[in-house]
Amino acid sequence: MPTLTFKVTAEQDRAVRLAARQKKLSLSDYLRRAAMGEKPSAAPRVRLARAHKVSGLSFSGDTGPLLTDEAIREALADFP
């Protein structure tokens, strides 16, 4: 993919990077959208999964763990 390079002042650099961060976009995506006339709207929210501290199973941080620590310990108790 071709790369574009251009010069800006230090103040412009800070302003553009801040704007991209506030929109939760990469600098490249923010500038690409701005250059192509697209409104640089916020990126879609991504639901991050976390690992449960006992089982290591993934769960969504938005909805909480799918199982309790106690239920997981009970399920794992049958294994040597």
C-alpha atoms as a PDB file:
ATOM      1  CA  MET A   1       0.000   0.000   0.000  1.00  0.00           C
ATOM      2  CA  PRO A   2       1.461   3.429  -0.889  1.00  0.00           C
ATOM      3  CA  THR A   3       2.416   5.824   1.903  1.00  0.00           C
ATOM      4  CA  LEU A   4       1.817   9.580   1.956  1.00  0.00           C
ATOM      5  CA  THR A   5       4.049  11.919   3.924  1.00  0.00           C
ATOM      6  CA  PHE A   6       3.545  15.608   4.678  1.00  0.00           C
ATOM      7  CA  LYS A   7       4.860  18.203   7.094  1.00  0.00           C
ATOM      8  CA  VAL A   8       2.957  19.884   9.917  1.00  0.00           C
ATOM      9  CA  THR A   9       3.909  22.070  12.844  1.00  0.00           C
ATOM     10  CA  ALA A  10       4.296  20.542  16.298  1.00  0.00           C
ATOM     11  CA  GLU A  11       1.008  22.193  17.323  1.00  0.00           C
ATOM     12  CA  GLN A  12      -0.814  20.736  14.304  1.00  0.00           C
ATOM     13  CA  ASP A  13       0.671  17.317  15.063  1.00  0.00           C
ATOM     14  CA  ARG A  14      -0.666  17.402  18.623  1.00  0.00           C
ATOM     15  CA  ALA A  15      -4.093  18.618  17.466  1.00  0.00           C
ATOM     16  CA  VAL A  16      -4.494  15.915  14.790  1.00  0.00           C
ATOM     17  CA  ARG A  17      -3.306  13.130  17.098  1.00  0.00           C
ATOM     18  CA  LEU A  18      -5.664  14.304  19.838  1.00  0.00           C
ATOM     19  CA  ALA A  19      -8.603  14.450  17.405  1.00  0.00           C
ATOM     20  CA  ALA A  20      -7.880  10.904  16.209  1.00  0.00           C
ATOM     21  CA  ARG A  21      -7.578   9.636  19.783  1.00  0.00           C
ATOM     22  CA  GLN A  22     -10.875  11.284  20.770  1.00  0.00           C
ATOM     23  CA  LYS A  23     -12.607   9.561  17.845  1.00  0.00           C
ATOM     24  CA  LYS A  24     -10.934   6.273  18.826  1.00  0.00           C
ATOM     25  CA  LEU A  25      -9.387   5.979  15.361  1.00  0.00           C
ATOM     26  CA  SER A  26      -5.847   5.301  14.312  1.00  0.00           C
ATOM     27  CA  LEU A  27      -4.026   8.340  12.989  1.00  0.00           C
ATOM     28  CA  SER A  28      -3.995   6.782   9.505  1.00  0.00           C
ATOM     29  CA  ASP A  29      -7.716   6.035   9.546  1.00  0.00           C
ATOM     30  CA  TYR A  30      -8.557   9.504  10.870  1.00  0.00           C
ATOM     31  CA  LEU A  31      -6.490  11.247   8.185  1.00  0.00           C
ATOM     32  CA  ARG A  32      -7.725   8.903   5.432  1.00  0.00           C
ATOM     33  CA  ARG A  33     -11.357   9.620   6.292  1.00  0.00           C
ATOM     34  CA  ALA A  34     -10.715  13.362   6.511  1.00  0.00           C
ATOM     35  CA  ALA A  35      -8.863  13.435   3.172  1.00  0.00           C
ATOM     36  CA  MET A  36     -11.562  11.458   1.383  1.00  0.00           C
ATOM     37  CA  GLY A  37     -14.312  13.771   2.615  1.00  0.00           C
ATOM     38  CA  GLU A  38     -15.778  11.302   5.070  1.00  0.00           C
ATOM     39  CA  LYS A  39     -16.719  12.604   8.466  1.00  0.00           C
ATOM     40  CA  PRO A  40     -14.205  11.003  10.865  1.00  0.00           C
ATOM     41  CA  SER A  41     -16.856   9.567  13.174  1.00  0.00           C
ATOM     42  CA  ALA A  42     -15.980   7.352  16.099  1.00  0.00           C
ATOM     43  CA  ALA A  43     -14.898   3.804  15.366  1.00  0.00           C
ATOM     44  CA  PRO A  44     -17.380   1.072  16.249  1.00  0.00           C
ATOM     45  CA  ARG A  45     -17.103  -0.095  19.833  1.00  0.00           C
ATOM     46  CA  VAL A  46     -15.330  -3.378  20.235  1.00  0.00           C
ATOM     47  CA  ARG A  47     -16.331  -5.596  23.128  1.00  0.00           C
ATOM     48  CA  LEU A  48     -13.192  -6.858  24.774  1.00  0.00           C
ATOM     49  CA  ALA A  49     -13.159 -10.273  26.340  1.00  0.00           C
ATOM     50  CA  ARG A  50     -11.223 -10.914  29.513  1.00  0.00           C
ATOM     51  CA  ALA A  51      -9.947 -14.172  30.935  1.00  0.00           C
ATOM     52  CA  HIS A  52     -11.456 -15.487  34.161  1.00  0.00           C
ATOM     53  CA  LYS A  53      -8.866 -15.479  36.947  1.00  0.00           C
ATOM     54  CA  VAL A  54      -9.458 -19.133  37.940  1.00  0.00           C
ATOM     55  CA  SER A  55     -10.475 -20.964  34.776  1.00  0.00           C
ATOM     56  CA  GLY A  56      -8.868 -18.803  32.103  1.00  0.00           C
ATOM     57  CA  LEU A  57     -12.164 -18.884  30.173  1.00  0.00           C
ATOM     58  CA  SER A  58     -13.074 -15.714  28.291  1.00  0.00           C
ATOM     59  CA  PHE A  59     -15.965 -13.503  29.283  1.00  0.00           C
ATOM     60  CA  SER A  60     -17.182 -10.099  28.239  1.00  0.00           C
ATOM     61  CA  GLY A  61     -16.266  -7.281  30.591  1.00  0.00           C
ATOM     62  CA  ASP A  62     -19.628  -5.610  29.879  1.00  0.00           C
ATOM     63  CA  THR A  63     -21.796  -8.437  31.179  1.00  0.00           C
ATOM     64  CA  GLY A  64     -19.579  -9.880  33.885  1.00  0.00           C
ATOM     65  CA  PRO A  65     -18.337 -13.423  34.263  1.00  0.00           C
ATOM     66  CA  LEU A  66     -20.490 -16.200  32.867  1.00  0.00           C
ATOM     67  CA  LEU A  67     -19.728 -18.387  35.883  1.00  0.00           C
ATOM     68  CA  THR A  68     -18.818 -17.703  39.478  1.00  0.00           C
ATOM     69  CA  ASP A  69     -15.453 -18.686  40.940  1.00  0.00           C
ATOM     70  CA  GLU A  70     -17.209 -21.253  43.103  1.00  0.00           C
ATOM     71  CA  ALA A  71     -19.021 -22.882  40.168  1.00  0.00           C
ATOM     72  CA  ILE A  72     -15.782 -23.146  38.207  1.00  0.00           C
ATOM     73  CA  ARG A  73     -13.906 -24.663  41.171  1.00  0.00           C
ATOM     74  CA  GLU A  74     -16.696 -27.223  41.571  1.00  0.00           C
ATOM     75  CA  ALA A  75     -16.534 -28.124  37.886  1.00  0.00           C
ATOM     76  CA  LEU A  76     -12.755 -28.495  38.010  1.00  0.00           C
ATOM     77  CA  ALA A  77     -12.773 -30.488  41.263  1.00  0.00           C
ATOM     78  CA  ASP A  78     -13.430 -33.740  39.364  1.00  0.00           C
ATOM     79  CA  PHE A  79     -10.107 -33.475  37.553  1.00  0.00           C
ATOM     80  CA  PRO A  80      -6.920 -34.756  39.230  1.00  0.00           C
END
